Amino acid sequence: MKILKICVGTCCHLLGSYELVDKLNEMDAQRLYDVKIELTTCINSCQSKSAQPPYAEFNGKIIENANIDKILNCITAT
């Protein structure tokens, strides 16, 4: 099973991570059949000065400035 973590910490939340979660929950289950979605309060990526939240992590790969298209591209690329 593939793991998709969505950061829902304060900064990521304010910049749209919950909208990502909503969109993923509305998607066709067949498209995400082997993906487990986990919510986390921090992915430890916002420490750098060049941080671009919201963040997601898919199978260990950090997705900066995460949006639904970037997430789906990562999922379909595997």
PDB file of N, CA and C in Angstrom:
ATOM      1  N   MET A   1       0.846  -1.182   0.000  1.00  0.00           N
ATOM      2  CA  MET A   1       0.000   0.000   0.000  1.00  0.00           C
ATOM      3  C   MET A   1       0.891   1.245   0.000  1.00  0.00           C
ATOM      4  N   LYS A   2       0.481   2.233  -0.771  1.00  0.00           N
ATOM      5  CA  LYS A   2       1.199   3.502  -0.846  1.00  0.00           C
ATOM      6  C   LYS A   2       0.643   4.435   0.233  1.00  0.00           C
ATOM      7  N   ILE A   3       1.513   5.273   0.783  1.00  0.00           N
ATOM      8  CA  ILE A   3       1.124   6.182   1.855  1.00  0.00           C
ATOM      9  C   ILE A   3       1.209   7.623   1.370  1.00  0.00           C
ATOM     10  N   LEU A   4       0.118   8.349   1.521  1.00  0.00           N
ATOM     11  CA  LEU A   4       0.068   9.777   1.232  1.00  0.00           C
ATOM     12  C   LEU A   4      -0.200  10.501   2.544  1.00  0.00           C
ATOM     13  N   LYS A   5       0.760  11.303   2.965  1.00  0.00           N
ATOM     14  CA  LYS A   5       0.598  12.095   4.184  1.00  0.00           C
ATOM     15  C   LYS A   5       0.312  13.534   3.786  1.00  0.00           C
ATOM     16  N   ILE A   6      -0.685  14.108   4.406  1.00  0.00           N
ATOM     17  CA  ILE A   6      -1.027  15.509   4.179  1.00  0.00           C
ATOM     18  C   ILE A   6      -0.779  16.245   5.487  1.00  0.00           C
ATOM     19  N   CYS A   7       0.045  17.288   5.439  1.00  0.00           N
ATOM     20  CA  CYS A   7       0.293  18.091   6.626  1.00  0.00           C
ATOM     21  C   CYS A   7      -0.916  18.988   6.866  1.00  0.00           C
ATOM     22  N   VAL A   8      -1.424  18.945   8.091  1.00  0.00           N
ATOM     23  CA  VAL A   8      -2.550  19.798   8.475  1.00  0.00           C
ATOM     24  C   VAL A   8      -2.163  20.692   9.648  1.00  0.00           C
ATOM     25  N   GLY A   9      -0.850  20.938   9.789  1.00  0.00           N
ATOM     26  CA  GLY A   9      -0.375  21.873  10.798  1.00  0.00           C
ATOM     27  C   GLY A   9      -0.853  23.274  10.470  1.00  0.00           C
ATOM     28  N   THR A  10      -0.626  24.200  11.367  1.00  0.00           N
ATOM     29  CA  THR A  10      -1.181  25.551  11.235  1.00  0.00           C
ATOM     30  C   THR A  10      -0.871  26.202   9.898  1.00  0.00           C
ATOM     31  N   CYS A  11       0.379  26.245   9.528  1.00  0.00           N
ATOM     32  CA  CYS A  11       0.762  26.931   8.284  1.00  0.00           C
ATOM     33  C   CYS A  11       0.138  26.241   7.070  1.00  0.00           C
ATOM     34  N   CYS A  12       0.259  24.932   7.000  1.00  0.00           N
ATOM     35  CA  CYS A  12      -0.297  24.194   5.856  1.00  0.00           C
ATOM     36  C   CYS A  12      -1.820  24.294   5.832  1.00  0.00           C
ATOM     37  N   HIS A  13      -2.429  24.242   7.006  1.00  0.00           N
ATOM     38  CA  HIS A  13      -3.887  24.370   7.087  1.00  0.00           C
ATOM     39  C   HIS A  13      -4.335  25.715   6.513  1.00  0.00           C
ATOM     40  N   LEU A  14      -3.658  26.784   6.920  1.00  0.00           N
ATOM     41  CA  LEU A  14      -4.025  28.117   6.446  1.00  0.00           C
ATOM     42  C   LEU A  14      -3.811  28.279   4.939  1.00  0.00           C
ATOM     43  N   LEU A  15      -2.899  27.480   4.389  1.00  0.00           N
ATOM     44  CA  LEU A  15      -2.599  27.593   2.965  1.00  0.00           C
ATOM     45  C   LEU A  15      -3.269  26.513   2.118  1.00  0.00           C
ATOM     46  N   GLY A  16      -4.265  25.815   2.690  1.00  0.00           N
ATOM     47  CA  GLY A  16      -5.110  24.978   1.854  1.00  0.00           C
ATOM     48  C   GLY A  16      -5.034  23.477   1.991  1.00  0.00           C
ATOM     49  N   SER A  17      -4.350  22.953   2.996  1.00  0.00           N
ATOM     50  CA  SER A  17      -4.236  21.497   3.064  1.00  0.00           C
ATOM     51  C   SER A  17      -5.582  20.809   3.298  1.00  0.00           C
ATOM     52  N   TYR A  18      -6.488  21.437   4.048  1.00  0.00           N
ATOM     53  CA  TYR A  18      -7.783  20.793   4.268  1.00  0.00           C
ATOM     54  C   TYR A  18      -8.609  20.742   2.997  1.00  0.00           C
ATOM     55  N   GLU A  19      -8.441  21.695   2.110  1.00  0.00           N
ATOM     56  CA  GLU A  19      -9.122  21.638   0.822  1.00  0.00           C
ATOM     57  C   GLU A  19      -8.613  20.447   0.009  1.00  0.00           C
ATOM     58  N   LEU A  20      -7.297  20.172   0.121  1.00  0.00           N
ATOM     59  CA  LEU A  20      -6.736  18.989  -0.540  1.00  0.00           C
ATOM     60  C   LEU A  20      -7.372  17.719  -0.007  1.00  0.00           C
ATOM     61  N   VAL A  21      -7.497  17.642   1.302  1.00  0.00           N
ATOM     62  CA  VAL A  21      -8.103  16.466   1.929  1.00  0.00           C
ATOM     63  C   VAL A  21      -9.538  16.297   1.435  1.00  0.00           C
ATOM     64  N   ASP A  22     -10.292  17.380   1.399  1.00  0.00           N
ATOM     65  CA  ASP A  22     -11.677  17.314   0.910  1.00  0.00           C
ATOM     66  C   ASP A  22     -11.732  16.812  -0.533  1.00  0.00           C
ATOM     67  N   LYS A  23     -10.866  17.346  -1.378  1.00  0.00           N
ATOM     68  CA  LYS A  23     -10.866  16.929  -2.784  1.00  0.00           C
ATOM     69  C   LYS A  23     -10.490  15.457  -2.927  1.00  0.00           C
ATOM     70  N   LEU A  24      -9.512  15.007  -2.151  1.00  0.00           N
ATOM     71  CA  LEU A  24      -9.118  13.609  -2.209  1.00  0.00           C
ATOM     72  C   LEU A  24     -10.244  12.700  -1.728  1.00  0.00           C
ATOM     73  N   ASN A  25     -10.960  13.116  -0.703  1.00  0.00           N
ATOM     74  CA  ASN A  25     -12.077  12.324  -0.186  1.00  0.00           C
ATOM     75  C   ASN A  25     -13.238  12.254  -1.169  1.00  0.00           C
ATOM     76  N   GLU A  26     -13.370  13.246  -2.026  1.00  0.00           N
ATOM     77  CA  GLU A  26     -14.443  13.272  -3.018  1.00  0.00           C
ATOM     78  C   GLU A  26     -14.107  12.471  -4.275  1.00  0.00           C
ATOM     79  N   MET A  27     -12.854  12.072  -4.429  1.00  0.00           N
ATOM     80  CA  MET A  27     -12.417  11.402  -5.644  1.00  0.00           C
ATOM     81  C   MET A  27     -12.950   9.977  -5.722  1.00  0.00           C
ATOM     82  N   ASP A  28     -12.946   9.479  -6.922  1.00  0.00           N
ATOM     83  CA  ASP A  28     -13.330   8.103  -7.198  1.00  0.00           C
ATOM     84  C   ASP A  28     -12.396   7.162  -6.429  1.00  0.00           C
ATOM     85  N   ALA A  29     -12.967   6.273  -5.646  1.00  0.00           N
ATOM     86  CA  ALA A  29     -12.177   5.361  -4.816  1.00  0.00           C
ATOM     87  C   ALA A  29     -11.255   4.480  -5.658  1.00  0.00           C
ATOM     88  N   GLN A  30     -11.645   4.155  -6.877  1.00  0.00           N
ATOM     89  CA  GLN A  30     -10.819   3.307  -7.731  1.00  0.00           C
ATOM     90  C   GLN A  30      -9.502   3.998  -8.085  1.00  0.00           C
ATOM     91  N   ARG A  31      -9.527   5.294  -8.185  1.00  0.00           N
ATOM     92  CA  ARG A  31      -8.310   6.053  -8.520  1.00  0.00           C
ATOM     93  C   ARG A  31      -7.297   6.027  -7.378  1.00  0.00           C
ATOM     94  N   LEU A  32      -7.790   5.895  -6.157  1.00  0.00           N
ATOM     95  CA  LEU A  32      -6.927   5.891  -4.974  1.00  0.00           C
ATOM     96  C   LEU A  32      -6.979   4.550  -4.245  1.00  0.00           C
ATOM     97  N   TYR A  33      -7.283   3.467  -4.950  1.00  0.00           N
ATOM     98  CA  TYR A  33      -7.549   2.180  -4.302  1.00  0.00           C
ATOM     99  C   TYR A  33      -6.387   1.637  -3.486  1.00  0.00           C
ATOM    100  N   ASP A  34      -5.158   1.931  -3.844  1.00  0.00           N
ATOM    101  CA  ASP A  34      -4.017   1.391  -3.104  1.00  0.00           C
ATOM    102  C   ASP A  34      -3.251   2.488  -2.347  1.00  0.00           C
ATOM    103  N   VAL A  35      -3.934   3.596  -2.051  1.00  0.00           N
ATOM    104  CA  VAL A  35      -3.309   4.723  -1.360  1.00  0.00           C
ATOM    105  C   VAL A  35      -3.998   4.931  -0.014  1.00  0.00           C
ATOM    106  N   LYS A  36      -3.194   4.914   1.024  1.00  0.00           N
ATOM    107  CA  LYS A  36      -3.702   5.224   2.362  1.00  0.00           C
ATOM    108  C   LYS A  36      -3.389   6.688   2.646  1.00  0.00           C
ATOM    109  N   ILE A  37      -4.420   7.456   2.986  1.00  0.00           N
ATOM    110  CA  ILE A  37      -4.242   8.877   3.274  1.00  0.00           C
ATOM    111  C   ILE A  37      -4.139   9.066   4.777  1.00  0.00           C
ATOM    112  N   GLU A  38      -3.056   9.699   5.193  1.00  0.00           N
ATOM    113  CA  GLU A  38      -2.838   9.992   6.609  1.00  0.00           C
ATOM    114  C   GLU A  38      -2.711  11.495   6.791  1.00  0.00           C
ATOM    115  N   LEU A  39      -3.290  12.001   7.854  1.00  0.00           N
ATOM    116  CA  LEU A  39      -3.135  13.412   8.206  1.00  0.00           C
ATOM    117  C   LEU A  39      -2.081  13.505   9.295  1.00  0.00           C
ATOM    118  N   THR A  40      -1.221  14.494   9.174  1.00  0.00           N
ATOM    119  CA  THR A  40      -0.167  14.674  10.159  1.00  0.00           C
ATOM    120  C   THR A  40      -0.037  16.161  10.480  1.00  0.00           C
ATOM    121  N   THR A  41       0.405  16.460  11.684  1.00  0.00           N
ATOM    122  CA  THR A  41       0.538  17.861  12.066  1.00  0.00           C
ATOM    123  C   THR A  41       1.853  18.470  11.594  1.00  0.00           C
ATOM    124  N   CYS A  42       2.772  17.644  11.124  1.00  0.00           N
ATOM    125  CA  CYS A  42       4.024  18.195  10.614  1.00  0.00           C
ATOM    126  C   CYS A  42       4.768  17.136   9.811  1.00  0.00           C
ATOM    127  N   ILE A  43       5.338  17.562   8.690  1.00  0.00           N
ATOM    128  CA  ILE A  43       6.186  16.702   7.868  1.00  0.00           C
ATOM    129  C   ILE A  43       7.644  17.140   8.012  1.00  0.00           C
ATOM    130  N   ASN A  44       7.870  18.175   8.810  1.00  0.00           N
ATOM    131  CA  ASN A  44       9.209  18.716   9.066  1.00  0.00           C
ATOM    132  C   ASN A  44       9.868  19.280   7.812  1.00  0.00           C
ATOM    133  N   SER A  45       9.082  19.866   6.939  1.00  0.00           N
ATOM    134  CA  SER A  45       9.631  20.471   5.731  1.00  0.00           C
ATOM    135  C   SER A  45       9.549  21.985   5.748  1.00  0.00           C
ATOM    136  N   CYS A  46       8.862  22.544   6.701  1.00  0.00           N
ATOM    137  CA  CYS A  46       8.663  23.991   6.711  1.00  0.00           C
ATOM    138  C   CYS A  46       9.741  24.718   7.511  1.00  0.00           C
ATOM    139  N   GLN A  47      10.804  24.028   7.835  1.00  0.00           N
ATOM    140  CA  GLN A  47      11.869  24.642   8.629  1.00  0.00           C
ATOM    141  C   GLN A  47      12.765  25.551   7.789  1.00  0.00           C
ATOM    142  N   SER A  48      12.858  25.288   6.496  1.00  0.00           N
ATOM    143  CA  SER A  48      13.753  26.085   5.667  1.00  0.00           C
ATOM    144  C   SER A  48      13.112  27.422   5.299  1.00  0.00           C
ATOM    145  N   LYS A  49      13.938  28.387   4.970  1.00  0.00           N
ATOM    146  CA  LYS A  49      13.449  29.719   4.614  1.00  0.00           C
ATOM    147  C   LYS A  49      12.779  29.722   3.244  1.00  0.00           C
ATOM    148  N   SER A  50      13.045  28.715   2.450  1.00  0.00           N
ATOM    149  CA  SER A  50      12.435  28.650   1.123  1.00  0.00           C
ATOM    150  C   SER A  50      11.200  27.747   1.120  1.00  0.00           C
ATOM    151  N   ALA A  51      10.646  27.525   2.283  1.00  0.00           N
ATOM    152  CA  ALA A  51       9.499  26.632   2.416  1.00  0.00           C
ATOM    153  C   ALA A  51       8.313  27.122   1.592  1.00  0.00           C
ATOM    154  N   GLN A  52       7.606  26.161   0.977  1.00  0.00           N
ATOM    155  CA  GLN A  52       6.435  26.480   0.175  1.00  0.00           C
ATOM    156  C   GLN A  52       5.288  25.554   0.555  1.00  0.00           C
ATOM    157  N   PRO A  53       4.642  25.830   1.683  1.00  0.00           N
ATOM    158  CA  PRO A  53       3.510  24.999   2.089  1.00  0.00           C
ATOM    159  C   PRO A  53       2.294  25.255   1.220  1.00  0.00           C
ATOM    160  N   PRO A  54       1.298  24.423   1.215  1.00  0.00           N
ATOM    161  CA  PRO A  54       1.152  23.228   2.045  1.00  0.00           C
ATOM    162  C   PRO A  54       2.006  22.076   1.523  1.00  0.00           C
ATOM    163  N   TYR A  55       2.281  21.147   2.437  1.00  0.00           N
ATOM    164  CA  TYR A  55       3.127  20.004   2.131  1.00  0.00           C
ATOM    165  C   TYR A  55       2.330  18.714   2.159  1.00  0.00           C
ATOM    166  N   ALA A  56       2.778  17.811   1.317  1.00  0.00           N
ATOM    167  CA  ALA A  56       2.301  16.439   1.329  1.00  0.00           C
ATOM    168  C   ALA A  56       3.537  15.564   1.155  1.00  0.00           C
ATOM    169  N   GLU A  57       3.406  14.322   1.508  1.00  0.00           N
ATOM    170  CA  GLU A  57       4.499  13.368   1.317  1.00  0.00           C
ATOM    171  C   GLU A  57       3.897  12.100   0.734  1.00  0.00           C
ATOM    172  N   PHE A  58       4.442  11.648  -0.375  1.00  0.00           N
ATOM    173  CA  PHE A  58       3.958  10.427  -1.006  1.00  0.00           C
ATOM    174  C   PHE A  58       5.095   9.437  -1.105  1.00  0.00           C
ATOM    175  N   ASN A  59       4.974   8.346  -0.368  1.00  0.00           N
ATOM    176  CA  ASN A  59       6.008   7.306  -0.328  1.00  0.00           C
ATOM    177  C   ASN A  59       7.404   7.890  -0.100  1.00  0.00           C
ATOM    178  N   GLY A  60       7.490   8.837   0.825  1.00  0.00           N
ATOM    179  CA  GLY A  60       8.767   9.425   1.203  1.00  0.00           C
ATOM    180  C   GLY A  60       9.183  10.640   0.396  1.00  0.00           C
ATOM    181  N   LYS A  61       8.473  10.958  -0.669  1.00  0.00           N
ATOM    182  CA  LYS A  61       8.807  12.124  -1.491  1.00  0.00           C
ATOM    183  C   LYS A  61       7.974  13.314  -1.033  1.00  0.00           C
ATOM    184  N   ILE A  62       8.660  14.408  -0.686  1.00  0.00           N
ATOM    185  CA  ILE A  62       7.980  15.625  -0.242  1.00  0.00           C
ATOM    186  C   ILE A  62       7.432  16.373  -1.453  1.00  0.00           C
ATOM    187  N   ILE A  63       6.191  16.813  -1.325  1.00  0.00           N
ATOM    188  CA  ILE A  63       5.549  17.617  -2.367  1.00  0.00           C
ATOM    189  C   ILE A  63       5.331  19.005  -1.776  1.00  0.00           C
ATOM    190  N   GLU A  64       6.097  19.988  -2.249  1.00  0.00           N
ATOM    191  CA  GLU A  64       5.946  21.363  -1.788  1.00  0.00           C
ATOM    192  C   GLU A  64       4.830  22.046  -2.545  1.00  0.00           C
ATOM    193  N   ASN A  65       4.241  23.044  -1.913  1.00  0.00           N
ATOM    194  CA  ASN A  65       3.176  23.809  -2.557  1.00  0.00           C
ATOM    195  C   ASN A  65       2.149  22.857  -3.167  1.00  0.00           C
ATOM    196  N   ALA A  66       1.778  21.872  -2.349  1.00  0.00           N
ATOM    197  CA  ALA A  66       0.945  20.770  -2.820  1.00  0.00           C
ATOM    198  C   ALA A  66      -0.411  21.248  -3.313  1.00  0.00           C
ATOM    199  N   ASN A  67      -0.802  20.685  -4.427  1.00  0.00           N
ATOM    200  CA  ASN A  67      -2.155  20.889  -4.942  1.00  0.00           C
ATOM    201  C   ASN A  67      -2.621  19.543  -5.479  1.00  0.00           C
ATOM    202  N   ILE A  68      -3.872  19.463  -5.841  1.00  0.00           N
ATOM    203  CA  ILE A  68      -4.433  18.179  -6.247  1.00  0.00           C
ATOM    204  C   ILE A  68      -3.734  17.614  -7.478  1.00  0.00           C
ATOM    205  N   ASP A  69      -3.343  18.461  -8.412  1.00  0.00           N
ATOM    206  CA  ASP A  69      -2.660  17.992  -9.621  1.00  0.00           C
ATOM    207  C   ASP A  69      -1.297  17.391  -9.307  1.00  0.00           C
ATOM    208  N   LYS A  70      -0.523  18.059  -8.461  1.00  0.00           N
ATOM    209  CA  LYS A  70       0.801  17.543  -8.092  1.00  0.00           C
ATOM    210  C   LYS A  70       0.672  16.203  -7.373  1.00  0.00           C
ATOM    211  N   ILE A  71      -0.297  16.095  -6.495  1.00  0.00           N
ATOM    212  CA  ILE A  71      -0.501  14.852  -5.749  1.00  0.00           C
ATOM    213  C   ILE A  71      -0.896  13.724  -6.694  1.00  0.00           C
ATOM    214  N   LEU A  72      -1.835  13.989  -7.580  1.00  0.00           N
ATOM    215  CA  LEU A  72      -2.279  12.950  -8.519  1.00  0.00           C
ATOM    216  C   LEU A  72      -1.169  12.549  -9.472  1.00  0.00           C
ATOM    217  N   ASN A  73      -0.329  13.495  -9.880  1.00  0.00           N
ATOM    218  CA  ASN A  73       0.819  13.161 -10.732  1.00  0.00           C
ATOM    219  C   ASN A  73       1.770  12.208 -10.022  1.00  0.00           C
ATOM    220  N   CYS A  74       2.016  12.437  -8.742  1.00  0.00           N
ATOM    221  CA  CYS A  74       2.885  11.541  -7.975  1.00  0.00           C
ATOM    222  C   CYS A  74       2.259  10.157  -7.850  1.00  0.00           C
ATOM    223  N   ILE A  75       0.963  10.114  -7.606  1.00  0.00           N
ATOM    224  CA  ILE A  75       0.283   8.831  -7.441  1.00  0.00           C
ATOM    225  C   ILE A  75       0.286   8.041  -8.747  1.00  0.00           C
ATOM    226  N   THR A  76       0.006   8.680  -9.846  1.00  0.00           N
ATOM    227  CA  THR A  76      -0.073   7.963 -11.122  1.00  0.00           C
ATOM    228  C   THR A  76       1.300   7.633 -11.684  1.00  0.00           C
ATOM    229  N   ALA A  77       2.341   8.312 -11.223  1.00  0.00           N
ATOM    230  CA  ALA A  77       3.705   8.042 -11.709  1.00  0.00           C
ATOM    231  C   ALA A  77       4.282   6.770 -11.116  1.00  0.00           C
ATOM    232  N   THR A  78       3.650   6.244 -10.067  1.00  0.00           N
ATOM    233  CA  THR A  78       4.193   5.039  -9.427  1.00  0.00           C
ATOM    234  C   THR A  78       3.502   3.795  -9.896  1.00  0.00           C
TER     235      THR A  78
END
